[in-house]
């Protein structure tokens, strides 16, 4: 695992240097499955995050594919810029709590708008903590969650 973390850290730092950003990336692994790479806040935050986090997800994809192509065992990577993803997940959890409350009060299923996999994981966790059933339905960009009352 340590070799994968060091490779991912070095790869990301090299990638950032192409944009003229020489910074130290913080690398760790919380659960021995996902490599966490955190880029500290810089003047390029907006550029690195991109619209709705698209660029940071693309960077994450590049690092993951570099690990795969080098034959590393651990290839799941989470890249965050200035805690953007953490703050986004916190805001989404607040909104998901409101959706959960609506389902609990009405007793009717609620379809959430389509969202990416990371955002769906946040909503699934909030729903599970509240005792609701949640299920992902749809394909590709239309994949979304349906929240249902517990049986």
C-alpha atoms as a PDB file:
ATOM      1  CA  UNK A   1       0.000   0.000   0.000  1.00  0.00           C
ATOM      2  CA  UNK A   2       2.808   2.400   0.895  1.00  0.00           C
ATOM      3  CA  UNK A   3       4.337   2.077  -2.599  1.00  0.00           C
ATOM      4  CA  UNK A   4       0.960   2.924  -4.173  1.00  0.00           C
ATOM      5  CA  UNK A   5       0.552   5.964  -1.936  1.00  0.00           C
ATOM      6  CA  UNK A   6       4.044   7.265  -2.734  1.00  0.00           C
ATOM      7  CA  UNK A   7       3.566   6.709  -6.483  1.00  0.00           C
ATOM      8  CA  UNK A   8       0.172   8.492  -6.470  1.00  0.00           C
ATOM      9  CA  UNK A   9       1.570  11.412  -4.433  1.00  0.00           C
ATOM     10  CA  UNK A  10       4.575  11.845  -6.748  1.00  0.00           C
ATOM     11  CA  UNK A  11       2.439  11.477  -9.893  1.00  0.00           C
ATOM     12  CA  UNK A  12      -0.009  14.154  -8.713  1.00  0.00           C
ATOM     13  CA  UNK A  13       2.788  16.524  -7.655  1.00  0.00           C
ATOM     14  CA  UNK A  14       4.415  16.084 -11.084  1.00  0.00           C
ATOM     15  CA  UNK A  15       1.067  16.694 -12.805  1.00  0.00           C
ATOM     16  CA  UNK A  16       0.503  19.875 -10.788  1.00  0.00           C
ATOM     17  CA  UNK A  17       3.988  21.117 -11.628  1.00  0.00           C
ATOM     18  CA  UNK A  18       2.964  21.174 -15.317  1.00  0.00           C
ATOM     19  CA  UNK A  19       0.451  23.864 -14.320  1.00  0.00           C
ATOM     20  CA  UNK A  20       3.188  25.799 -12.537  1.00  0.00           C
ATOM     21  CA  UNK A  21       1.999  24.715  -9.114  1.00  0.00           C
ATOM     22  CA  UNK A  22       4.809  23.367  -6.971  1.00  0.00           C
ATOM     23  CA  UNK A  23       3.093  22.224  -3.807  1.00  0.00           C
ATOM     24  CA  UNK A  24       3.304  19.352  -1.372  1.00  0.00           C
ATOM     25  CA  UNK A  25       0.348  16.975  -1.706  1.00  0.00           C
ATOM     26  CA  UNK A  26      -0.784  15.327   1.531  1.00  0.00           C
ATOM     27  CA  UNK A  27      -1.232  11.586   0.998  1.00  0.00           C
ATOM     28  CA  UNK A  28      -2.771   8.990   3.296  1.00  0.00           C
ATOM     29  CA  UNK A  29      -4.999   5.936   3.383  1.00  0.00           C
ATOM     30  CA  UNK A  30      -7.724   5.655   5.984  1.00  0.00           C
ATOM     31  CA  UNK A  31      -9.122   2.214   5.213  1.00  0.00           C
ATOM     32  CA  UNK A  32      -6.407   0.408   3.190  1.00  0.00           C
ATOM     33  CA  UNK A  33      -8.599   0.640   0.078  1.00  0.00           C
ATOM     34  CA  UNK A  34      -8.741   4.293  -0.980  1.00  0.00           C
ATOM     35  CA  UNK A  35      -5.698   6.532  -1.334  1.00  0.00           C
ATOM     36  CA  UNK A  36      -6.542  10.038  -0.093  1.00  0.00           C
ATOM     37  CA  UNK A  37      -4.662  12.876  -1.829  1.00  0.00           C
ATOM     38  CA  UNK A  38      -5.252  16.404  -0.548  1.00  0.00           C
ATOM     39  CA  UNK A  39      -4.022  19.444  -2.437  1.00  0.00           C
ATOM     40  CA  UNK A  40      -3.725  22.468  -0.104  1.00  0.00           C
ATOM     41  CA  UNK A  41      -5.421  25.752  -0.931  1.00  0.00           C
ATOM     42  CA  UNK A  42      -3.630  27.782  -3.634  1.00  0.00           C
ATOM     43  CA  UNK A  43      -4.366  30.496  -6.172  1.00  0.00           C
ATOM     44  CA  UNK A  44      -5.395  27.733  -8.623  1.00  0.00           C
ATOM     45  CA  UNK A  45      -8.228  26.251  -6.524  1.00  0.00           C
ATOM     46  CA  UNK A  46     -10.969  27.196  -8.990  1.00  0.00           C
ATOM     47  CA  UNK A  47      -8.965  25.876 -11.938  1.00  0.00           C
ATOM     48  CA  UNK A  48      -8.182  22.565 -10.214  1.00  0.00           C
ATOM     49  CA  UNK A  49     -11.734  22.030  -8.965  1.00  0.00           C
ATOM     50  CA  UNK A  50     -13.459  23.016 -12.199  1.00  0.00           C
ATOM     51  CA  UNK A  51     -17.164  23.425 -12.766  1.00  0.00           C
ATOM     52  CA  UNK A  52     -19.067  21.291 -10.222  1.00  0.00           C
ATOM     53  CA  UNK A  53     -15.859  19.386  -9.417  1.00  0.00           C
ATOM     54  CA  UNK A  54     -15.400  17.994 -12.943  1.00  0.00           C
ATOM     55  CA  UNK A  55     -11.675  18.824 -13.156  1.00  0.00           C
ATOM     56  CA  UNK A  56     -10.799  17.339  -9.771  1.00  0.00           C
ATOM     57  CA  UNK A  57     -12.651  14.148 -10.780  1.00  0.00           C
ATOM     58  CA  UNK A  58     -10.673  14.065 -14.037  1.00  0.00           C
ATOM     59  CA  UNK A  59      -7.414  14.450 -12.099  1.00  0.00           C
ATOM     60  CA  UNK A  60      -8.542  11.628  -9.818  1.00  0.00           C
ATOM     61  CA  UNK A  61      -9.202   9.459 -12.893  1.00  0.00           C
ATOM     62  CA  UNK A  62      -5.721  10.195 -14.277  1.00  0.00           C
ATOM     63  CA  UNK A  63      -3.995   9.244 -11.014  1.00  0.00           C
ATOM     64  CA  UNK A  64      -6.052   6.056 -10.705  1.00  0.00           C
ATOM     65  CA  UNK A  65      -5.239   5.015 -14.287  1.00  0.00           C
ATOM     66  CA  UNK A  66      -1.539   5.756 -13.742  1.00  0.00           C
ATOM     67  CA  UNK A  67      -1.591   3.403 -10.738  1.00  0.00           C
ATOM     68  CA  UNK A  68      -3.325   0.706 -12.811  1.00  0.00           C
ATOM     69  CA  UNK A  69      -0.889   1.052 -15.718  1.00  0.00           C
ATOM     70  CA  UNK A  70       2.059   0.668 -13.338  1.00  0.00           C
ATOM     71  CA  UNK A  71       0.554  -2.528 -11.903  1.00  0.00           C
ATOM     72  CA  UNK A  72      -0.160  -1.204  -8.412  1.00  0.00           C
ATOM     73  CA  UNK A  73      -2.545  -3.253  -6.304  1.00  0.00           C
ATOM     74  CA  UNK A  74      -4.396  -0.254  -4.810  1.00  0.00           C
ATOM     75  CA  UNK A  75      -5.875   1.982  -7.497  1.00  0.00           C
ATOM     76  CA  UNK A  76      -8.878   3.675  -5.845  1.00  0.00           C
ATOM     77  CA  UNK A  77      -7.995   7.321  -5.360  1.00  0.00           C
ATOM     78  CA  UNK A  78      -9.793  10.304  -3.857  1.00  0.00           C
ATOM     79  CA  UNK A  79      -8.320  13.694  -4.759  1.00  0.00           C
ATOM     80  CA  UNK A  80      -9.544  16.769  -2.881  1.00  0.00           C
ATOM     81  CA  UNK A  81      -8.595  20.402  -3.444  1.00  0.00           C
ATOM     82  CA  UNK A  82      -8.686  22.718  -0.406  1.00  0.00           C
ATOM     83  CA  UNK A  83     -11.302  20.416   1.213  1.00  0.00           C
ATOM     84  CA  UNK A  84     -13.781  21.176  -1.590  1.00  0.00           C
ATOM     85  CA  UNK A  85     -15.207  17.637  -1.620  1.00  0.00           C
ATOM     86  CA  UNK A  86     -15.489  17.495   2.165  1.00  0.00           C
ATOM     87  CA  UNK A  87     -17.399  20.787   2.287  1.00  0.00           C
ATOM     88  CA  UNK A  88     -19.608  19.697  -0.614  1.00  0.00           C
ATOM     89  CA  UNK A  89     -20.394  16.398   1.153  1.00  0.00           C
ATOM     90  CA  UNK A  90     -21.274  18.281   4.354  1.00  0.00           C
ATOM     91  CA  UNK A  91     -23.675  20.587   2.457  1.00  0.00           C
ATOM     92  CA  UNK A  92     -25.216  17.620   0.643  1.00  0.00           C
ATOM     93  CA  UNK A  93     -25.714  15.757   3.946  1.00  0.00           C
ATOM     94  CA  UNK A  94     -27.780  18.700   5.234  1.00  0.00           C
ATOM     95  CA  UNK A  95     -29.935  18.633   2.100  1.00  0.00           C
ATOM     96  CA  UNK A  96     -30.252  14.829   2.272  1.00  0.00           C
ATOM     97  CA  UNK A  97     -31.464  15.128   5.864  1.00  0.00           C
ATOM     98  CA  UNK A  98     -34.307  17.317   4.584  1.00  0.00           C
ATOM     99  CA  UNK A  99     -35.188  14.716   1.914  1.00  0.00           C
ATOM    100  CA  UNK A 100     -35.180  12.004   4.592  1.00  0.00           C
ATOM    101  CA  UNK A 101     -37.517  14.098   6.751  1.00  0.00           C
ATOM    102  CA  UNK A 102     -39.914  14.499   3.794  1.00  0.00           C
ATOM    103  CA  UNK A 103     -40.039  10.725   3.250  1.00  0.00           C
ATOM    104  CA  UNK A 104     -40.541  10.047   6.962  1.00  0.00           C
ATOM    105  CA  UNK A 105     -43.404  12.564   7.193  1.00  0.00           C
ATOM    106  CA  UNK A 106     -45.180  11.624   3.948  1.00  0.00           C
ATOM    107  CA  UNK A 107     -44.427   7.899   3.907  1.00  0.00           C
ATOM    108  CA  UNK A 108     -43.956   8.189   0.134  1.00  0.00           C
ATOM    109  CA  UNK A 109     -40.814   7.474  -1.920  1.00  0.00           C
ATOM    110  CA  UNK A 110     -38.746  10.464  -2.999  1.00  0.00           C
ATOM    111  CA  UNK A 111     -36.626  10.544  -6.172  1.00  0.00           C
ATOM    112  CA  UNK A 112     -33.446  12.562  -5.831  1.00  0.00           C
ATOM    113  CA  UNK A 113     -31.959  14.365  -8.836  1.00  0.00           C
ATOM    114  CA  UNK A 114     -29.184  12.539 -10.742  1.00  0.00           C
ATOM    115  CA  UNK A 115     -25.760  12.845  -9.116  1.00  0.00           C
ATOM    116  CA  UNK A 116     -22.268  11.387  -9.254  1.00  0.00           C
ATOM    117  CA  UNK A 117     -21.213   8.286  -7.303  1.00  0.00           C
ATOM    118  CA  UNK A 118     -19.506  10.195  -4.476  1.00  0.00           C
ATOM    119  CA  UNK A 119     -22.619  12.301  -3.853  1.00  0.00           C
ATOM    120  CA  UNK A 120     -24.849   9.214  -3.984  1.00  0.00           C
ATOM    121  CA  UNK A 121     -22.676   7.568  -1.300  1.00  0.00           C
ATOM    122  CA  UNK A 122     -23.297  10.564   0.992  1.00  0.00           C
ATOM    123  CA  UNK A 123     -27.068  10.356   0.485  1.00  0.00           C
ATOM    124  CA  UNK A 124     -27.095   6.562   1.002  1.00  0.00           C
ATOM    125  CA  UNK A 125     -25.235   7.023   4.299  1.00  0.00           C
ATOM    126  CA  UNK A 126     -27.627   9.724   5.560  1.00  0.00           C
ATOM    127  CA  UNK A 127     -30.618   7.554   4.598  1.00  0.00           C
ATOM    128  CA  UNK A 128     -29.184   4.459   6.289  1.00  0.00           C
ATOM    129  CA  UNK A 129     -28.425   6.429   9.464  1.00  0.00           C
ATOM    130  CA  UNK A 130     -32.069   7.571   9.530  1.00  0.00           C
ATOM    131  CA  UNK A 131     -33.405   4.050   8.989  1.00  0.00           C
ATOM    132  CA  UNK A 132     -34.647   4.597   5.432  1.00  0.00           C
ATOM    133  CA  UNK A 133     -34.166   2.362   2.425  1.00  0.00           C
ATOM    134  CA  UNK A 134     -32.236   3.941  -0.448  1.00  0.00           C
ATOM    135  CA  UNK A 135     -31.554   2.524  -3.866  1.00  0.00           C
ATOM    136  CA  UNK A 136     -29.654   3.792  -6.908  1.00  0.00           C
ATOM    137  CA  UNK A 137     -31.549   3.496 -10.182  1.00  0.00           C
ATOM    138  CA  UNK A 138     -30.831   4.520 -13.770  1.00  0.00           C
ATOM    139  CA  UNK A 139     -27.723   4.440 -15.889  1.00  0.00           C
ATOM    140  CA  UNK A 140     -24.823   6.814 -16.512  1.00  0.00           C
ATOM    141  CA  UNK A 141     -25.571  10.496 -16.000  1.00  0.00           C
ATOM    142  CA  UNK A 142     -29.217   9.698 -15.184  1.00  0.00           C
ATOM    143  CA  UNK A 143     -28.310   7.505 -12.176  1.00  0.00           C
ATOM    144  CA  UNK A 144     -30.138   8.750  -9.101  1.00  0.00           C
ATOM    145  CA  UNK A 145     -31.372   7.634  -5.698  1.00  0.00           C
ATOM    146  CA  UNK A 146     -34.876   6.728  -4.631  1.00  0.00           C
ATOM    147  CA  UNK A 147     -35.488   7.138  -0.882  1.00  0.00           C
ATOM    148  CA  UNK A 148     -38.194   4.889   0.562  1.00  0.00           C
ATOM    149  CA  UNK A 149     -39.670   4.405   4.028  1.00  0.00           C
ATOM    150  CA  UNK A 150     -38.431   1.310   5.855  1.00  0.00           C
ATOM    151  CA  UNK A 151     -40.749  -1.675   5.436  1.00  0.00           C
END
